[in-house]
């Protein structure tokens, strides 16, 4: 069963229940009101029966009759001004047509008859308007109920059809995407839940499109980065094939260059790509890190690795993954050593930063520093693959850090890391 049919049936069932309950309540209220009005007349008659002149008054109060008790205890009708017994009321109603009359002083209803007893006489009259009114109400509400059900089903079906139209469009769009592989968005002019669903779908499509574009760019960048070393390796392999057997010096030179190129491919391209692919799938632990100790350790590492002395200004502690923080700061420093000068470490619990002195960057260049394989034009003749800062960005995402770069006056840059938790 389609969703719009389910909605239409649900609304129709609810409307039917509401109308039926309303019918019951209104019928009971009207019926009770009519009966109470008749009881009020009977109470007025009881007051009249307390007077000796009650017979005359009662006979003119309503098209009614005074009922008296004879010596046999049988109830008969009197419509005579003198109260003489008779067997008819206005010649229409026989005594045996009268209802059974309780011997109590409370107003009563028996069939179409209403009455009240006072001592040895009673006030009794026949009134069919109550049952007639109730019957009319039942008929009217039955017609209204049937018409209401039809109208409720048709209107709810139409409303459901119109309301669910964006969902059908969304479904059609997803079917086309599934069959053709071409990404599409949907129109989202509504400002309700369905409109918000459409906007979320469009955002998802945008992110998928962006991811696919990044994948295409990634493949193109990898192909481009691998083209040069593979060309070099192929060239030396051809040289080996041609002269390697007869010229030992060519053999040694070719083997040396092939080893250098394969080592460069492994360290600057393949290993960083593997590291990127593993990020987000490893368990992370958080510990308290003393920033002064961290800065000293990092400076010692870089001094033994590169011989560079890095000034450290550090204080305070943070809660973070130690290896991730070290890796990001190491990438920052390595980037400075390749493309700038004078690295400095400024570590505070609010922000961990690596400062440098170098060429000023434009806003467009700075915005793309953390993209995969992005390298400045001036740095393309230097070693590296352009993956370092993208690894830092991926690590930051995994560990909920914030990373970025900003200009430093009068020249140079500041690469920073803001931890999620600090003490």
Foldseek 3Di string as FASTA:
>chain_A
DDPLLVQLVVQLVVLLVVLVVVLVVVLVVLLVVVVVVVQVVQVVLLVLVVDPQSLVVLVPVDLWWKWFADPVRQIATDNDSVRDGDQDRVPPDGRVNDDDDDPDQGWDDDPQKTKGDDDGMIIMDGHCVSVVVSVVSVVVSVVVSVVSSVVSSVVSSVVSCVVCVLVVVVVVQVVCCVVPVDHDAGDQPDDDPSSVVSVVVVVVSVVVVVVVVLVVVVVVLLCVVVVVLVVLLVVLVVQCVVCVVPDVVSVVVSVVSNVVSVVLCVPFPVVLVVLLVCQLVDDFDKDKDFFVVLQVVLQVVCCVVPVDHEAEAEGFIWIFGSVLVSLLVNLVVVVCVQAFDHWYWYYDLQKTKIWTFHAADDPVLQVCLLRFQDDDPVRPVDRHRSSSSVSNVSSCVSGVKDWGKDADPPGTIMTMIGHPTGD
